Amino acid sequence: MSPKSSAGLPAKSRSLVRHVAERVSSRYGFDVAVYDMIDVGPSLGSALWRKQLDEKAQHVLQEIVSAEVLIIGAPTYKGSYPGLFKHLIDLIDPHELKSKPILITATGGGDRHALMVEHQLRPLFGFFMSHTLPTAVYASNRDFLYYAVASEHLSNRIDEAVSEVGVFFPGRVPTREAAA
């Protein structure tokens, strides 16, 4: 299987998730698929139940729940994740994410949004009994240059979080390139 990622529409969140997913892929040999809220499509907003999602949204949700590892990302909106992101997660049965390793990422305008990963995202996936990795990755505007990760501090934090993925996959030997 491959790790799947979900990020909100803002380019920084998508860029961060893609960057982290590529690092995980490079280190452990996973295939990568990155999904954005826009990939889920318009049926999400009107669906009260999962069966009401259109085929495209059903596919994305199935890819998310079948992944071996998830890299979840969200932009910070008023101290939390966006409502449509939460609605997508609400359509997942709790048992589908049980024991799944999840690397949490988030973006925001400044440092005061950083606690969103600990006070919003970690408890959300705790409810699902997922294994959120100890190191979460938060990035503010100053960590990007033209929507690409540009901060050494952020890169180091990403490396730390990526190394924690290996605990869940002892049979996967990190590549030499990633270890260097």
Protein backbone atom coordinates (compact mmCIF):
# COMPACT_ATOMS: atom_id res chain seq x y z
CA MET A 1 0.00 0.00 0.00
CA SER A 2 0.98 3.60 0.00
CA PRO A 3 0.72 6.50 2.39
CA LYS A 4 -2.12 8.81 1.59
CA SER A 5 -2.28 12.47 2.44
CA SER A 6 -5.08 14.88 2.93
CA ALA A 7 -4.63 18.59 2.98
CA GLY A 8 -6.93 21.56 2.78
CA LEU A 9 -7.07 23.74 -0.31
CA PRO A 10 -4.55 26.45 0.72
CA ALA A 11 -1.34 25.96 -1.23
CA LYS A 12 0.92 26.01 1.84
CA SER A 13 -0.93 23.12 3.47
CA ARG A 14 -0.85 21.11 0.25
CA SER A 15 2.82 21.96 -0.27
CA LEU A 16 3.73 20.89 3.27
CA VAL A 17 1.83 17.59 3.03
CA ARG A 18 3.37 16.83 -0.36
CA HIS A 19 6.86 17.64 0.95
CA VAL A 20 6.44 15.39 3.99
CA ALA A 21 4.89 12.59 1.91
CA GLU A 22 7.79 12.70 -0.54
CA ARG A 23 10.24 12.49 2.36
CA VAL A 24 8.39 9.44 3.75
CA SER A 25 8.35 7.88 0.29
CA SER A 26 12.03 8.54 -0.27
CA ARG A 27 13.01 7.09 3.07
CA TYR A 28 10.74 4.04 3.23
CA GLY A 29 9.81 3.32 -0.39
CA PHE A 30 6.08 3.99 -0.14
CA ASP A 31 4.08 5.13 -3.12
CA VAL A 32 2.48 8.52 -2.57
CA ALA A 33 -0.96 9.88 -3.33
CA VAL A 34 -1.82 13.38 -2.16
CA TYR A 35 -5.46 14.39 -1.94
CA ASP A 36 -6.81 17.85 -1.41
CA MET A 37 -10.30 18.80 -0.30
CA ILE A 38 -10.97 19.90 -3.87
CA ASP A 39 -10.24 16.31 -4.99
CA VAL A 40 -13.15 15.09 -2.87
CA GLY A 41 -15.51 17.25 -4.92
CA PRO A 42 -18.76 19.04 -4.29
CA SER A 43 -20.76 16.05 -3.07
CA LEU A 44 -19.00 16.27 0.30
CA GLY A 45 -20.81 19.46 1.26
CA SER A 46 -24.25 17.97 0.79
CA ALA A 47 -23.60 14.42 2.05
CA LEU A 48 -24.98 13.52 5.45
CA TRP A 49 -23.84 9.92 5.07
CA ARG A 50 -20.90 8.34 3.30
CA LYS A 51 -23.16 6.51 0.87
CA GLN A 52 -24.35 9.92 -0.39
CA LEU A 53 -20.89 10.84 -1.70
CA ASP A 54 -20.32 10.67 -5.43
CA GLU A 55 -17.93 8.12 -6.93
CA LYS A 56 -14.94 10.48 -6.90
CA ALA A 57 -15.38 11.30 -3.20
CA GLN A 58 -15.97 7.62 -2.36
CA HIS A 59 -12.67 6.78 -4.07
CA VAL A 60 -10.70 9.39 -2.12
CA LEU A 61 -12.22 8.29 1.17
CA GLN A 62 -11.43 4.64 0.41
CA GLU A 63 -7.84 5.55 -0.44
CA ILE A 64 -7.53 7.39 2.87
CA VAL A 65 -8.85 4.54 5.00
CA SER A 66 -6.85 1.86 3.15
CA ALA A 67 -3.49 3.63 3.45
CA GLU A 68 -0.79 2.11 5.62
CA VAL A 69 0.20 5.52 6.94
CA LEU A 70 -1.54 8.88 6.68
CA ILE A 71 0.00 12.30 6.49
CA ILE A 72 -2.80 14.61 7.46
CA GLY A 73 -2.59 18.33 6.95
CA ALA A 74 -4.92 21.23 7.55
CA PRO A 75 -4.75 24.96 7.45
CA THR A 76 -5.52 26.68 10.72
CA TYR A 77 -8.75 28.61 10.60
CA LYS A 78 -9.72 30.58 13.71
CA GLY A 79 -7.68 28.28 15.94
CA SER A 80 -8.89 25.00 14.46
CA TYR A 81 -9.21 23.02 11.24
CA PRO A 82 -11.79 24.00 8.60
CA GLY A 83 -15.31 22.62 8.93
CA LEU A 84 -15.30 20.81 5.58
CA PHE A 85 -12.13 18.95 6.63
CA LYS A 86 -13.92 17.85 9.82
CA HIS A 87 -16.96 16.80 7.80
CA LEU A 88 -14.78 14.54 5.65
CA ILE A 89 -13.27 12.95 8.75
CA ASP A 90 -16.78 12.56 10.25
CA LEU A 91 -17.71 10.29 7.34
CA ILE A 92 -15.01 7.78 8.33
CA ASP A 93 -16.02 4.98 10.70
CA PRO A 94 -13.79 5.03 13.81
CA HIS A 95 -12.61 1.43 13.30
CA GLU A 96 -11.23 2.34 9.86
CA LEU A 97 -8.43 4.42 11.35
CA LYS A 98 -7.82 2.34 14.47
CA SER A 99 -4.09 1.73 15.03
CA LYS A 100 -3.19 3.57 11.81
CA PRO A 101 -0.05 5.71 12.09
CA ILE A 102 -0.80 9.35 11.36
CA LEU A 103 1.75 12.08 10.88
CA ILE A 104 0.02 15.37 11.66
CA THR A 105 0.84 18.59 9.82
CA ALA A 106 -0.75 22.02 9.87
CA THR A 107 -0.12 25.49 8.56
CA GLY A 108 -1.06 28.90 9.86
CA GLY A 109 -0.22 32.55 9.61
CA GLY A 110 1.87 32.69 12.77
CA ASP A 111 3.10 30.96 15.88
CA ARG A 112 -0.09 31.38 17.89
CA HIS A 113 -1.79 28.82 15.63
CA ALA A 114 0.79 26.13 16.36
CA LEU A 115 -1.17 24.60 19.24
CA MET A 116 -3.89 23.59 16.79
CA VAL A 117 -2.02 20.36 16.12
CA GLU A 118 -2.05 19.43 19.82
CA HIS A 119 -5.45 20.79 20.84
CA GLN A 120 -7.47 19.99 17.72
CA LEU A 121 -5.88 17.42 15.38
CA ARG A 122 -4.29 15.07 17.91
CA PRO A 123 -7.53 14.65 19.95
CA LEU A 124 -9.53 14.20 16.73
CA PHE A 125 -7.45 11.22 15.68
CA GLY A 126 -7.21 10.02 19.27
CA PHE A 127 -10.95 9.49 19.09
CA PHE A 128 -10.30 7.12 16.16
CA MET A 129 -7.67 5.31 18.28
CA SER A 130 -5.08 6.10 15.63
CA HIS A 131 -1.38 6.31 16.44
CA THR A 132 -0.51 9.93 15.97
CA LEU A 133 3.25 10.22 15.74
CA PRO A 134 4.86 12.08 18.65
CA THR A 135 6.28 14.82 16.43
CA ALA A 136 3.72 16.98 14.66
CA VAL A 137 4.79 19.44 11.99
CA TYR A 138 3.47 22.99 12.07
CA ALA A 139 4.57 25.61 9.57
CA SER A 140 3.86 29.32 9.53
CA ASN A 141 4.16 31.77 6.66
CA ARG A 142 7.84 32.43 7.38
CA ASP A 143 8.69 28.75 6.76
CA PHE A 144 7.80 28.99 3.05
CA LEU A 145 9.27 30.67 0.03
CA TYR A 146 6.98 30.64 -3.00
CA TYR A 147 4.86 27.93 -1.34
CA ALA A 148 7.85 25.61 -0.90
CA VAL A 149 9.40 24.56 2.41
CA ALA A 150 12.32 26.94 2.93
CA SER A 151 13.08 26.85 6.66
CA GLU A 152 15.94 24.78 8.08
CA HIS A 153 14.08 24.51 11.39
CA LEU A 154 11.00 23.15 9.60
CA SER A 155 13.10 20.73 7.54
CA ASN A 156 14.70 19.39 10.72
CA ARG A 157 11.29 18.91 12.34
CA ILE A 158 10.04 17.10 9.23
CA ASP A 159 13.09 14.80 9.35
CA GLU A 160 12.34 14.01 13.00
CA ALA A 161 8.69 13.20 12.25
CA VAL A 162 9.59 11.10 9.18
CA SER A 163 12.03 9.03 11.25
CA GLU A 164 9.17 8.13 13.61
CA VAL A 165 7.26 6.44 10.78
CA GLY A 166 9.85 3.64 10.78
CA VAL A 167 8.69 2.34 14.17
CA PHE A 168 5.49 1.12 12.51
CA PHE A 169 7.27 -0.56 9.60
CA PRO A 170 10.26 -2.46 11.02
CA GLY A 171 10.57 -4.53 7.83
CA ARG A 172 11.16 -1.44 5.71
CA VAL A 173 14.77 -0.45 5.77
CA PRO A 174 15.36 3.26 5.32
CA THR A 175 17.22 4.08 2.14
CA ARG A 176 20.85 5.12 2.37
CA GLU A 177 20.03 8.44 0.75
CA ALA A 178 17.58 9.32 3.51
CA ALA A 179 19.97 8.18 6.22
CA ALA A 180 22.77 10.42 4.98
